[in-house]
């Protein structure tokens, strides 16, 4: 899976915490 983070502060937890857990 490839992800490019957004620059929106609202997505910080989703991009850096939730997605790695979900993909794993």
PDBML (XML) file of the C-alpha atoms, coordinates in Angstrom:
<?xml version="1.0" encoding="UTF-8" ?>
<PDBx:datablock datablockName="MODEL"
   xmlns:PDBx="http://pdbml.pdb.org/schema/pdbx-v50.xsd"
   xmlns:xsi="http://www.w3.org/2001/XMLSchema-instance"
   xsi:schemaLocation="http://pdbml.pdb.org/schema/pdbx-v50.xsd pdbx-v50.xsd">
   <PDBx:atom_siteCategory>
      <PDBx:atom_site id="1">
         <PDBx:B_iso_or_equiv>0.00</PDBx:B_iso_or_equiv>
         <PDBx:Cartn_x>0.000</PDBx:Cartn_x>
         <PDBx:Cartn_y>0.000</PDBx:Cartn_y>
         <PDBx:Cartn_z>0.000</PDBx:Cartn_z>
         <PDBx:auth_asym_id>A</PDBx:auth_asym_id>
         <PDBx:auth_atom_id>CA</PDBx:auth_atom_id>
         <PDBx:auth_comp_id>UNK</PDBx:auth_comp_id>
         <PDBx:auth_seq_id>1</PDBx:auth_seq_id>
         <PDBx:group_PDB>ATOM</PDBx:group_PDB>
         <PDBx:label_alt_id xsi:nil="true" />
         <PDBx:label_asym_id>A</PDBx:label_asym_id>
         <PDBx:label_atom_id>CA</PDBx:label_atom_id>
         <PDBx:label_comp_id>UNK</PDBx:label_comp_id>
         <PDBx:label_entity_id>1</PDBx:label_entity_id>
         <PDBx:label_seq_id>1</PDBx:label_seq_id>
         <PDBx:occupancy>1.00</PDBx:occupancy>
         <PDBx:pdbx_PDB_model_num>1</PDBx:pdbx_PDB_model_num>
         <PDBx:type_symbol>C</PDBx:type_symbol>
      </PDBx:atom_site>
      <PDBx:atom_site id="2">
         <PDBx:B_iso_or_equiv>0.00</PDBx:B_iso_or_equiv>
         <PDBx:Cartn_x>1.295</PDBx:Cartn_x>
         <PDBx:Cartn_y>3.497</PDBx:Cartn_y>
         <PDBx:Cartn_z>-0.799</PDBx:Cartn_z>
         <PDBx:auth_asym_id>A</PDBx:auth_asym_id>
         <PDBx:auth_atom_id>CA</PDBx:auth_atom_id>
         <PDBx:auth_comp_id>UNK</PDBx:auth_comp_id>
         <PDBx:auth_seq_id>2</PDBx:auth_seq_id>
         <PDBx:group_PDB>ATOM</PDBx:group_PDB>
         <PDBx:label_alt_id xsi:nil="true" />
         <PDBx:label_asym_id>A</PDBx:label_asym_id>
         <PDBx:label_atom_id>CA</PDBx:label_atom_id>
         <PDBx:label_comp_id>UNK</PDBx:label_comp_id>
         <PDBx:label_entity_id>1</PDBx:label_entity_id>
         <PDBx:label_seq_id>2</PDBx:label_seq_id>
         <PDBx:occupancy>1.00</PDBx:occupancy>
         <PDBx:pdbx_PDB_model_num>1</PDBx:pdbx_PDB_model_num>
         <PDBx:type_symbol>C</PDBx:type_symbol>
      </PDBx:atom_site>
      <PDBx:atom_site id="3">
         <PDBx:B_iso_or_equiv>0.00</PDBx:B_iso_or_equiv>
         <PDBx:Cartn_x>0.103</PDBx:Cartn_x>
         <PDBx:Cartn_y>6.602</PDBx:Cartn_y>
         <PDBx:Cartn_z>0.978</PDBx:Cartn_z>
         <PDBx:auth_asym_id>A</PDBx:auth_asym_id>
         <PDBx:auth_atom_id>CA</PDBx:auth_atom_id>
         <PDBx:auth_comp_id>UNK</PDBx:auth_comp_id>
         <PDBx:auth_seq_id>3</PDBx:auth_seq_id>
         <PDBx:group_PDB>ATOM</PDBx:group_PDB>
         <PDBx:label_alt_id xsi:nil="true" />
         <PDBx:label_asym_id>A</PDBx:label_asym_id>
         <PDBx:label_atom_id>CA</PDBx:label_atom_id>
         <PDBx:label_comp_id>UNK</PDBx:label_comp_id>
         <PDBx:label_entity_id>1</PDBx:label_entity_id>
         <PDBx:label_seq_id>3</PDBx:label_seq_id>
         <PDBx:occupancy>1.00</PDBx:occupancy>
         <PDBx:pdbx_PDB_model_num>1</PDBx:pdbx_PDB_model_num>
         <PDBx:type_symbol>C</PDBx:type_symbol>
      </PDBx:atom_site>
      <PDBx:atom_site id="4">
         <PDBx:B_iso_or_equiv>0.00</PDBx:B_iso_or_equiv>
         <PDBx:Cartn_x>0.979</PDBx:Cartn_x>
         <PDBx:Cartn_y>10.273</PDBx:Cartn_y>
         <PDBx:Cartn_z>0.560</PDBx:Cartn_z>
         <PDBx:auth_asym_id>A</PDBx:auth_asym_id>
         <PDBx:auth_atom_id>CA</PDBx:auth_atom_id>
         <PDBx:auth_comp_id>UNK</PDBx:auth_comp_id>
         <PDBx:auth_seq_id>4</PDBx:auth_seq_id>
         <PDBx:group_PDB>ATOM</PDBx:group_PDB>
         <PDBx:label_alt_id xsi:nil="true" />
         <PDBx:label_asym_id>A</PDBx:label_asym_id>
         <PDBx:label_atom_id>CA</PDBx:label_atom_id>
         <PDBx:label_comp_id>UNK</PDBx:label_comp_id>
         <PDBx:label_entity_id>1</PDBx:label_entity_id>
         <PDBx:label_seq_id>4</PDBx:label_seq_id>
         <PDBx:occupancy>1.00</PDBx:occupancy>
         <PDBx:pdbx_PDB_model_num>1</PDBx:pdbx_PDB_model_num>
         <PDBx:type_symbol>C</PDBx:type_symbol>
      </PDBx:atom_site>
      <PDBx:atom_site id="5">
         <PDBx:B_iso_or_equiv>0.00</PDBx:B_iso_or_equiv>
         <PDBx:Cartn_x>0.057</PDBx:Cartn_x>
         <PDBx:Cartn_y>12.201</PDBx:Cartn_y>
         <PDBx:Cartn_z>3.691</PDBx:Cartn_z>
         <PDBx:auth_asym_id>A</PDBx:auth_asym_id>
         <PDBx:auth_atom_id>CA</PDBx:auth_atom_id>
         <PDBx:auth_comp_id>UNK</PDBx:auth_comp_id>
         <PDBx:auth_seq_id>5</PDBx:auth_seq_id>
         <PDBx:group_PDB>ATOM</PDBx:group_PDB>
         <PDBx:label_alt_id xsi:nil="true" />
         <PDBx:label_asym_id>A</PDBx:label_asym_id>
         <PDBx:label_atom_id>CA</PDBx:label_atom_id>
         <PDBx:label_comp_id>UNK</PDBx:label_comp_id>
         <PDBx:label_entity_id>1</PDBx:label_entity_id>
         <PDBx:label_seq_id>5</PDBx:label_seq_id>
         <PDBx:occupancy>1.00</PDBx:occupancy>
         <PDBx:pdbx_PDB_model_num>1</PDBx:pdbx_PDB_model_num>
         <PDBx:type_symbol>C</PDBx:type_symbol>
      </PDBx:atom_site>
      <PDBx:atom_site id="6">
         <PDBx:B_iso_or_equiv>0.00</PDBx:B_iso_or_equiv>
         <PDBx:Cartn_x>-2.172</PDBx:Cartn_x>
         <PDBx:Cartn_y>15.230</PDBx:Cartn_y>
         <PDBx:Cartn_z>3.518</PDBx:Cartn_z>
         <PDBx:auth_asym_id>A</PDBx:auth_asym_id>
         <PDBx:auth_atom_id>CA</PDBx:auth_atom_id>
         <PDBx:auth_comp_id>UNK</PDBx:auth_comp_id>
         <PDBx:auth_seq_id>6</PDBx:auth_seq_id>
         <PDBx:group_PDB>ATOM</PDBx:group_PDB>
         <PDBx:label_alt_id xsi:nil="true" />
         <PDBx:label_asym_id>A</PDBx:label_asym_id>
         <PDBx:label_atom_id>CA</PDBx:label_atom_id>
         <PDBx:label_comp_id>UNK</PDBx:label_comp_id>
         <PDBx:label_entity_id>1</PDBx:label_entity_id>
         <PDBx:label_seq_id>6</PDBx:label_seq_id>
         <PDBx:occupancy>1.00</PDBx:occupancy>
         <PDBx:pdbx_PDB_model_num>1</PDBx:pdbx_PDB_model_num>
         <PDBx:type_symbol>C</PDBx:type_symbol>
      </PDBx:atom_site>
      <PDBx:atom_site id="7">
         <PDBx:B_iso_or_equiv>0.00</PDBx:B_iso_or_equiv>
         <PDBx:Cartn_x>-1.262</PDBx:Cartn_x>
         <PDBx:Cartn_y>18.561</PDBx:Cartn_y>
         <PDBx:Cartn_z>5.019</PDBx:Cartn_z>
         <PDBx:auth_asym_id>A</PDBx:auth_asym_id>
         <PDBx:auth_atom_id>CA</PDBx:auth_atom_id>
         <PDBx:auth_comp_id>UNK</PDBx:auth_comp_id>
         <PDBx:auth_seq_id>7</PDBx:auth_seq_id>
         <PDBx:group_PDB>ATOM</PDBx:group_PDB>
         <PDBx:label_alt_id xsi:nil="true" />
         <PDBx:label_asym_id>A</PDBx:label_asym_id>
         <PDBx:label_atom_id>CA</PDBx:label_atom_id>
         <PDBx:label_comp_id>UNK</PDBx:label_comp_id>
         <PDBx:label_entity_id>1</PDBx:label_entity_id>
         <PDBx:label_seq_id>7</PDBx:label_seq_id>
         <PDBx:occupancy>1.00</PDBx:occupancy>
         <PDBx:pdbx_PDB_model_num>1</PDBx:pdbx_PDB_model_num>
         <PDBx:type_symbol>C</PDBx:type_symbol>
      </PDBx:atom_site>
      <PDBx:atom_site id="8">
         <PDBx:B_iso_or_equiv>0.00</PDBx:B_iso_or_equiv>
         <PDBx:Cartn_x>-4.498</PDBx:Cartn_x>
         <PDBx:Cartn_y>18.766</PDBx:Cartn_y>
         <PDBx:Cartn_z>6.957</PDBx:Cartn_z>
         <PDBx:auth_asym_id>A</PDBx:auth_asym_id>
         <PDBx:auth_atom_id>CA</PDBx:auth_atom_id>
         <PDBx:auth_comp_id>UNK</PDBx:auth_comp_id>
         <PDBx:auth_seq_id>8</PDBx:auth_seq_id>
         <PDBx:group_PDB>ATOM</PDBx:group_PDB>
         <PDBx:label_alt_id xsi:nil="true" />
         <PDBx:label_asym_id>A</PDBx:label_asym_id>
         <PDBx:label_atom_id>CA</PDBx:label_atom_id>
         <PDBx:label_comp_id>UNK</PDBx:label_comp_id>
         <PDBx:label_entity_id>1</PDBx:label_entity_id>
         <PDBx:label_seq_id>8</PDBx:label_seq_id>
         <PDBx:occupancy>1.00</PDBx:occupancy>
         <PDBx:pdbx_PDB_model_num>1</PDBx:pdbx_PDB_model_num>
         <PDBx:type_symbol>C</PDBx:type_symbol>
      </PDBx:atom_site>
      <PDBx:atom_site id="9">
         <PDBx:B_iso_or_equiv>0.00</PDBx:B_iso_or_equiv>
         <PDBx:Cartn_x>-4.093</PDBx:Cartn_x>
         <PDBx:Cartn_y>18.643</PDBx:Cartn_y>
         <PDBx:Cartn_z>10.737</PDBx:Cartn_z>
         <PDBx:auth_asym_id>A</PDBx:auth_asym_id>
         <PDBx:auth_atom_id>CA</PDBx:auth_atom_id>
         <PDBx:auth_comp_id>UNK</PDBx:auth_comp_id>
         <PDBx:auth_seq_id>9</PDBx:auth_seq_id>
         <PDBx:group_PDB>ATOM</PDBx:group_PDB>
         <PDBx:label_alt_id xsi:nil="true" />
         <PDBx:label_asym_id>A</PDBx:label_asym_id>
         <PDBx:label_atom_id>CA</PDBx:label_atom_id>
         <PDBx:label_comp_id>UNK</PDBx:label_comp_id>
         <PDBx:label_entity_id>1</PDBx:label_entity_id>
         <PDBx:label_seq_id>9</PDBx:label_seq_id>
         <PDBx:occupancy>1.00</PDBx:occupancy>
         <PDBx:pdbx_PDB_model_num>1</PDBx:pdbx_PDB_model_num>
         <PDBx:type_symbol>C</PDBx:type_symbol>
      </PDBx:atom_site>
      <PDBx:atom_site id="10">
         <PDBx:B_iso_or_equiv>0.00</PDBx:B_iso_or_equiv>
         <PDBx:Cartn_x>-7.351</PDBx:Cartn_x>
         <PDBx:Cartn_y>16.707</PDBx:Cartn_y>
         <PDBx:Cartn_z>11.084</PDBx:Cartn_z>
         <PDBx:auth_asym_id>A</PDBx:auth_asym_id>
         <PDBx:auth_atom_id>CA</PDBx:auth_atom_id>
         <PDBx:auth_comp_id>UNK</PDBx:auth_comp_id>
         <PDBx:auth_seq_id>10</PDBx:auth_seq_id>
         <PDBx:group_PDB>ATOM</PDBx:group_PDB>
         <PDBx:label_alt_id xsi:nil="true" />
         <PDBx:label_asym_id>A</PDBx:label_asym_id>
         <PDBx:label_atom_id>CA</PDBx:label_atom_id>
         <PDBx:label_comp_id>UNK</PDBx:label_comp_id>
         <PDBx:label_entity_id>1</PDBx:label_entity_id>
         <PDBx:label_seq_id>10</PDBx:label_seq_id>
         <PDBx:occupancy>1.00</PDBx:occupancy>
         <PDBx:pdbx_PDB_model_num>1</PDBx:pdbx_PDB_model_num>
         <PDBx:type_symbol>C</PDBx:type_symbol>
      </PDBx:atom_site>
      <PDBx:atom_site id="11">
         <PDBx:B_iso_or_equiv>0.00</PDBx:B_iso_or_equiv>
         <PDBx:Cartn_x>-5.811</PDBx:Cartn_x>
         <PDBx:Cartn_y>13.666</PDBx:Cartn_y>
         <PDBx:Cartn_z>9.389</PDBx:Cartn_z>
         <PDBx:auth_asym_id>A</PDBx:auth_asym_id>
         <PDBx:auth_atom_id>CA</PDBx:auth_atom_id>
         <PDBx:auth_comp_id>UNK</PDBx:auth_comp_id>
         <PDBx:auth_seq_id>11</PDBx:auth_seq_id>
         <PDBx:group_PDB>ATOM</PDBx:group_PDB>
         <PDBx:label_alt_id xsi:nil="true" />
         <PDBx:label_asym_id>A</PDBx:label_asym_id>
         <PDBx:label_atom_id>CA</PDBx:label_atom_id>
         <PDBx:label_comp_id>UNK</PDBx:label_comp_id>
         <PDBx:label_entity_id>1</PDBx:label_entity_id>
         <PDBx:label_seq_id>11</PDBx:label_seq_id>
         <PDBx:occupancy>1.00</PDBx:occupancy>
         <PDBx:pdbx_PDB_model_num>1</PDBx:pdbx_PDB_model_num>
         <PDBx:type_symbol>C</PDBx:type_symbol>
      </PDBx:atom_site>
      <PDBx:atom_site id="12">
         <PDBx:B_iso_or_equiv>0.00</PDBx:B_iso_or_equiv>
         <PDBx:Cartn_x>-2.624</PDBx:Cartn_x>
         <PDBx:Cartn_y>13.437</PDBx:Cartn_y>
         <PDBx:Cartn_z>11.466</PDBx:Cartn_z>
         <PDBx:auth_asym_id>A</PDBx:auth_asym_id>
         <PDBx:auth_atom_id>CA</PDBx:auth_atom_id>
         <PDBx:auth_comp_id>UNK</PDBx:auth_comp_id>
         <PDBx:auth_seq_id>12</PDBx:auth_seq_id>
         <PDBx:group_PDB>ATOM</PDBx:group_PDB>
         <PDBx:label_alt_id xsi:nil="true" />
         <PDBx:label_asym_id>A</PDBx:label_asym_id>
         <PDBx:label_atom_id>CA</PDBx:label_atom_id>
         <PDBx:label_comp_id>UNK</PDBx:label_comp_id>
         <PDBx:label_entity_id>1</PDBx:label_entity_id>
         <PDBx:label_seq_id>12</PDBx:label_seq_id>
         <PDBx:occupancy>1.00</PDBx:occupancy>
         <PDBx:pdbx_PDB_model_num>1</PDBx:pdbx_PDB_model_num>
         <PDBx:type_symbol>C</PDBx:type_symbol>
      </PDBx:atom_site>
      <PDBx:atom_site id="13">
         <PDBx:B_iso_or_equiv>0.00</PDBx:B_iso_or_equiv>
         <PDBx:Cartn_x>-3.806</PDBx:Cartn_x>
         <PDBx:Cartn_y>10.541</PDBx:Cartn_y>
         <PDBx:Cartn_z>13.656</PDBx:Cartn_z>
         <PDBx:auth_asym_id>A</PDBx:auth_asym_id>
         <PDBx:auth_atom_id>CA</PDBx:auth_atom_id>
         <PDBx:auth_comp_id>UNK</PDBx:auth_comp_id>
         <PDBx:auth_seq_id>13</PDBx:auth_seq_id>
         <PDBx:group_PDB>ATOM</PDBx:group_PDB>
         <PDBx:label_alt_id xsi:nil="true" />
         <PDBx:label_asym_id>A</PDBx:label_asym_id>
         <PDBx:label_atom_id>CA</PDBx:label_atom_id>
         <PDBx:label_comp_id>UNK</PDBx:label_comp_id>
         <PDBx:label_entity_id>1</PDBx:label_entity_id>
         <PDBx:label_seq_id>13</PDBx:label_seq_id>
         <PDBx:occupancy>1.00</PDBx:occupancy>
         <PDBx:pdbx_PDB_model_num>1</PDBx:pdbx_PDB_model_num>
         <PDBx:type_symbol>C</PDBx:type_symbol>
      </PDBx:atom_site>
      <PDBx:atom_site id="14">
         <PDBx:B_iso_or_equiv>0.00</PDBx:B_iso_or_equiv>
         <PDBx:Cartn_x>-5.383</PDBx:Cartn_x>
         <PDBx:Cartn_y>8.721</PDBx:Cartn_y>
         <PDBx:Cartn_z>10.714</PDBx:Cartn_z>
         <PDBx:auth_asym_id>A</PDBx:auth_asym_id>
         <PDBx:auth_atom_id>CA</PDBx:auth_atom_id>
         <PDBx:auth_comp_id>UNK</PDBx:auth_comp_id>
         <PDBx:auth_seq_id>14</PDBx:auth_seq_id>
         <PDBx:group_PDB>ATOM</PDBx:group_PDB>
         <PDBx:label_alt_id xsi:nil="true" />
         <PDBx:label_asym_id>A</PDBx:label_asym_id>
         <PDBx:label_atom_id>CA</PDBx:label_atom_id>
         <PDBx:label_comp_id>UNK</PDBx:label_comp_id>
         <PDBx:label_entity_id>1</PDBx:label_entity_id>
         <PDBx:label_seq_id>14</PDBx:label_seq_id>
         <PDBx:occupancy>1.00</PDBx:occupancy>
         <PDBx:pdbx_PDB_model_num>1</PDBx:pdbx_PDB_model_num>
         <PDBx:type_symbol>C</PDBx:type_symbol>
      </PDBx:atom_site>
      <PDBx:atom_site id="15">
         <PDBx:B_iso_or_equiv>0.00</PDBx:B_iso_or_equiv>
         <PDBx:Cartn_x>-2.263</PDBx:Cartn_x>
         <PDBx:Cartn_y>9.046</PDBx:Cartn_y>
         <PDBx:Cartn_z>8.507</PDBx:Cartn_z>
         <PDBx:auth_asym_id>A</PDBx:auth_asym_id>
         <PDBx:auth_atom_id>CA</PDBx:auth_atom_id>
         <PDBx:auth_comp_id>UNK</PDBx:auth_comp_id>
         <PDBx:auth_seq_id>15</PDBx:auth_seq_id>
         <PDBx:group_PDB>ATOM</PDBx:group_PDB>
         <PDBx:label_alt_id xsi:nil="true" />
         <PDBx:label_asym_id>A</PDBx:label_asym_id>
         <PDBx:label_atom_id>CA</PDBx:label_atom_id>
         <PDBx:label_comp_id>UNK</PDBx:label_comp_id>
         <PDBx:label_entity_id>1</PDBx:label_entity_id>
         <PDBx:label_seq_id>15</PDBx:label_seq_id>
         <PDBx:occupancy>1.00</PDBx:occupancy>
         <PDBx:pdbx_PDB_model_num>1</PDBx:pdbx_PDB_model_num>
         <PDBx:type_symbol>C</PDBx:type_symbol>
      </PDBx:atom_site>
      <PDBx:atom_site id="16">
         <PDBx:B_iso_or_equiv>0.00</PDBx:B_iso_or_equiv>
         <PDBx:Cartn_x>0.349</PDBx:Cartn_x>
         <PDBx:Cartn_y>8.273</PDBx:Cartn_y>
         <PDBx:Cartn_z>11.161</PDBx:Cartn_z>
         <PDBx:auth_asym_id>A</PDBx:auth_asym_id>
         <PDBx:auth_atom_id>CA</PDBx:auth_atom_id>
         <PDBx:auth_comp_id>UNK</PDBx:auth_comp_id>
         <PDBx:auth_seq_id>16</PDBx:auth_seq_id>
         <PDBx:group_PDB>ATOM</PDBx:group_PDB>
         <PDBx:label_alt_id xsi:nil="true" />
         <PDBx:label_asym_id>A</PDBx:label_asym_id>
         <PDBx:label_atom_id>CA</PDBx:label_atom_id>
         <PDBx:label_comp_id>UNK</PDBx:label_comp_id>
         <PDBx:label_entity_id>1</PDBx:label_entity_id>
         <PDBx:label_seq_id>16</PDBx:label_seq_id>
         <PDBx:occupancy>1.00</PDBx:occupancy>
         <PDBx:pdbx_PDB_model_num>1</PDBx:pdbx_PDB_model_num>
         <PDBx:type_symbol>C</PDBx:type_symbol>
      </PDBx:atom_site>
      <PDBx:atom_site id="17">
         <PDBx:B_iso_or_equiv>0.00</PDBx:B_iso_or_equiv>
         <PDBx:Cartn_x>-1.396</PDBx:Cartn_x>
         <PDBx:Cartn_y>5.920</PDBx:Cartn_y>
         <PDBx:Cartn_z>13.590</PDBx:Cartn_z>
         <PDBx:auth_asym_id>A</PDBx:auth_asym_id>
         <PDBx:auth_atom_id>CA</PDBx:auth_atom_id>
         <PDBx:auth_comp_id>UNK</PDBx:auth_comp_id>
         <PDBx:auth_seq_id>17</PDBx:auth_seq_id>
         <PDBx:group_PDB>ATOM</PDBx:group_PDB>
         <PDBx:label_alt_id xsi:nil="true" />
         <PDBx:label_asym_id>A</PDBx:label_asym_id>
         <PDBx:label_atom_id>CA</PDBx:label_atom_id>
         <PDBx:label_comp_id>UNK</PDBx:label_comp_id>
         <PDBx:label_entity_id>1</PDBx:label_entity_id>
         <PDBx:label_seq_id>17</PDBx:label_seq_id>
         <PDBx:occupancy>1.00</PDBx:occupancy>
         <PDBx:pdbx_PDB_model_num>1</PDBx:pdbx_PDB_model_num>
         <PDBx:type_symbol>C</PDBx:type_symbol>
      </PDBx:atom_site>
      <PDBx:atom_site id="18">
         <PDBx:B_iso_or_equiv>0.00</PDBx:B_iso_or_equiv>
         <PDBx:Cartn_x>-4.579</PDBx:Cartn_x>
         <PDBx:Cartn_y>4.380</PDBx:Cartn_y>
         <PDBx:Cartn_z>12.202</PDBx:Cartn_z>
         <PDBx:auth_asym_id>A</PDBx:auth_asym_id>
         <PDBx:auth_atom_id>CA</PDBx:auth_atom_id>
         <PDBx:auth_comp_id>UNK</PDBx:auth_comp_id>
         <PDBx:auth_seq_id>18</PDBx:auth_seq_id>
         <PDBx:group_PDB>ATOM</PDBx:group_PDB>
         <PDBx:label_alt_id xsi:nil="true" />
         <PDBx:label_asym_id>A</PDBx:label_asym_id>
         <PDBx:label_atom_id>CA</PDBx:label_atom_id>
         <PDBx:label_comp_id>UNK</PDBx:label_comp_id>
         <PDBx:label_entity_id>1</PDBx:label_entity_id>
         <PDBx:label_seq_id>18</PDBx:label_seq_id>
         <PDBx:occupancy>1.00</PDBx:occupancy>
         <PDBx:pdbx_PDB_model_num>1</PDBx:pdbx_PDB_model_num>
         <PDBx:type_symbol>C</PDBx:type_symbol>
      </PDBx:atom_site>
      <PDBx:atom_site id="19">
         <PDBx:B_iso_or_equiv>0.00</PDBx:B_iso_or_equiv>
         <PDBx:Cartn_x>-3.451</PDBx:Cartn_x>
         <PDBx:Cartn_y>3.512</PDBx:Cartn_y>
         <PDBx:Cartn_z>8.685</PDBx:Cartn_z>
         <PDBx:auth_asym_id>A</PDBx:auth_asym_id>
         <PDBx:auth_atom_id>CA</PDBx:auth_atom_id>
         <PDBx:auth_comp_id>UNK</PDBx:auth_comp_id>
         <PDBx:auth_seq_id>19</PDBx:auth_seq_id>
         <PDBx:group_PDB>ATOM</PDBx:group_PDB>
         <PDBx:label_alt_id xsi:nil="true" />
         <PDBx:label_asym_id>A</PDBx:label_asym_id>
         <PDBx:label_atom_id>CA</PDBx:label_atom_id>
         <PDBx:label_comp_id>UNK</PDBx:label_comp_id>
         <PDBx:label_entity_id>1</PDBx:label_entity_id>
         <PDBx:label_seq_id>19</PDBx:label_seq_id>
         <PDBx:occupancy>1.00</PDBx:occupancy>
         <PDBx:pdbx_PDB_model_num>1</PDBx:pdbx_PDB_model_num>
         <PDBx:type_symbol>C</PDBx:type_symbol>
      </PDBx:atom_site>
      <PDBx:atom_site id="20">
         <PDBx:B_iso_or_equiv>0.00</PDBx:B_iso_or_equiv>
         <PDBx:Cartn_x>-0.264</PDBx:Cartn_x>
         <PDBx:Cartn_y>1.631</PDBx:Cartn_y>
         <PDBx:Cartn_z>9.615</PDBx:Cartn_z>
         <PDBx:auth_asym_id>A</PDBx:auth_asym_id>
         <PDBx:auth_atom_id>CA</PDBx:auth_atom_id>
         <PDBx:auth_comp_id>UNK</PDBx:auth_comp_id>
         <PDBx:auth_seq_id>20</PDBx:auth_seq_id>
         <PDBx:group_PDB>ATOM</PDBx:group_PDB>
         <PDBx:label_alt_id xsi:nil="true" />
         <PDBx:label_asym_id>A</PDBx:label_asym_id>
         <PDBx:label_atom_id>CA</PDBx:label_atom_id>
         <PDBx:label_comp_id>UNK</PDBx:label_comp_id>
         <PDBx:label_entity_id>1</PDBx:label_entity_id>
         <PDBx:label_seq_id>20</PDBx:label_seq_id>
         <PDBx:occupancy>1.00</PDBx:occupancy>
         <PDBx:pdbx_PDB_model_num>1</PDBx:pdbx_PDB_model_num>
         <PDBx:type_symbol>C</PDBx:type_symbol>
      </PDBx:atom_site>
      <PDBx:atom_site id="21">
         <PDBx:B_iso_or_equiv>0.00</PDBx:B_iso_or_equiv>
         <PDBx:Cartn_x>-2.284</PDBx:Cartn_x>
         <PDBx:Cartn_y>-0.414</PDBx:Cartn_y>
         <PDBx:Cartn_z>12.101</PDBx:Cartn_z>
         <PDBx:auth_asym_id>A</PDBx:auth_asym_id>
         <PDBx:auth_atom_id>CA</PDBx:auth_atom_id>
         <PDBx:auth_comp_id>UNK</PDBx:auth_comp_id>
         <PDBx:auth_seq_id>21</PDBx:auth_seq_id>
         <PDBx:group_PDB>ATOM</PDBx:group_PDB>
         <PDBx:label_alt_id xsi:nil="true" />
         <PDBx:label_asym_id>A</PDBx:label_asym_id>
         <PDBx:label_atom_id>CA</PDBx:label_atom_id>
         <PDBx:label_comp_id>UNK</PDBx:label_comp_id>
         <PDBx:label_entity_id>1</PDBx:label_entity_id>
         <PDBx:label_seq_id>21</PDBx:label_seq_id>
         <PDBx:occupancy>1.00</PDBx:occupancy>
         <PDBx:pdbx_PDB_model_num>1</PDBx:pdbx_PDB_model_num>
         <PDBx:type_symbol>C</PDBx:type_symbol>
      </PDBx:atom_site>
      <PDBx:atom_site id="22">
         <PDBx:B_iso_or_equiv>0.00</PDBx:B_iso_or_equiv>
         <PDBx:Cartn_x>-5.050</PDBx:Cartn_x>
         <PDBx:Cartn_y>-1.070</PDBx:Cartn_y>
         <PDBx:Cartn_z>9.577</PDBx:Cartn_z>
         <PDBx:auth_asym_id>A</PDBx:auth_asym_id>
         <PDBx:auth_atom_id>CA</PDBx:auth_atom_id>
         <PDBx:auth_comp_id>UNK</PDBx:auth_comp_id>
         <PDBx:auth_seq_id>22</PDBx:auth_seq_id>
         <PDBx:group_PDB>ATOM</PDBx:group_PDB>
         <PDBx:label_alt_id xsi:nil="true" />
         <PDBx:label_asym_id>A</PDBx:label_asym_id>
         <PDBx:label_atom_id>CA</PDBx:label_atom_id>
         <PDBx:label_comp_id>UNK</PDBx:label_comp_id>
         <PDBx:label_entity_id>1</PDBx:label_entity_id>
         <PDBx:label_seq_id>22</PDBx:label_seq_id>
         <PDBx:occupancy>1.00</PDBx:occupancy>
         <PDBx:pdbx_PDB_model_num>1</PDBx:pdbx_PDB_model_num>
         <PDBx:type_symbol>C</PDBx:type_symbol>
      </PDBx:atom_site>
      <PDBx:atom_site id="23">
         <PDBx:B_iso_or_equiv>0.00</PDBx:B_iso_or_equiv>
         <PDBx:Cartn_x>-2.665</PDBx:Cartn_x>
         <PDBx:Cartn_y>-2.165</PDBx:Cartn_y>
         <PDBx:Cartn_z>6.831</PDBx:Cartn_z>
         <PDBx:auth_asym_id>A</PDBx:auth_asym_id>
         <PDBx:auth_atom_id>CA</PDBx:auth_atom_id>
         <PDBx:auth_comp_id>UNK</PDBx:auth_comp_id>
         <PDBx:auth_seq_id>23</PDBx:auth_seq_id>
         <PDBx:group_PDB>ATOM</PDBx:group_PDB>
         <PDBx:label_alt_id xsi:nil="true" />
         <PDBx:label_asym_id>A</PDBx:label_asym_id>
         <PDBx:label_atom_id>CA</PDBx:label_atom_id>
         <PDBx:label_comp_id>UNK</PDBx:label_comp_id>
         <PDBx:label_entity_id>1</PDBx:label_entity_id>
         <PDBx:label_seq_id>23</PDBx:label_seq_id>
         <PDBx:occupancy>1.00</PDBx:occupancy>
         <PDBx:pdbx_PDB_model_num>1</PDBx:pdbx_PDB_model_num>
         <PDBx:type_symbol>C</PDBx:type_symbol>
      </PDBx:atom_site>
      <PDBx:atom_site id="24">
         <PDBx:B_iso_or_equiv>0.00</PDBx:B_iso_or_equiv>
         <PDBx:Cartn_x>-0.739</PDBx:Cartn_x>
         <PDBx:Cartn_y>-4.407</PDBx:Cartn_y>
         <PDBx:Cartn_z>9.258</PDBx:Cartn_z>
         <PDBx:auth_asym_id>A</PDBx:auth_asym_id>
         <PDBx:auth_atom_id>CA</PDBx:auth_atom_id>
         <PDBx:auth_comp_id>UNK</PDBx:auth_comp_id>
         <PDBx:auth_seq_id>24</PDBx:auth_seq_id>
         <PDBx:group_PDB>ATOM</PDBx:group_PDB>
         <PDBx:label_alt_id xsi:nil="true" />
         <PDBx:label_asym_id>A</PDBx:label_asym_id>
         <PDBx:label_atom_id>CA</PDBx:label_atom_id>
         <PDBx:label_comp_id>UNK</PDBx:label_comp_id>
         <PDBx:label_entity_id>1</PDBx:label_entity_id>
         <PDBx:label_seq_id>24</PDBx:label_seq_id>
         <PDBx:occupancy>1.00</PDBx:occupancy>
         <PDBx:pdbx_PDB_model_num>1</PDBx:pdbx_PDB_model_num>
         <PDBx:type_symbol>C</PDBx:type_symbol>
      </PDBx:atom_site>
   </PDBx:atom_siteCategory>
</PDBx:datablock>
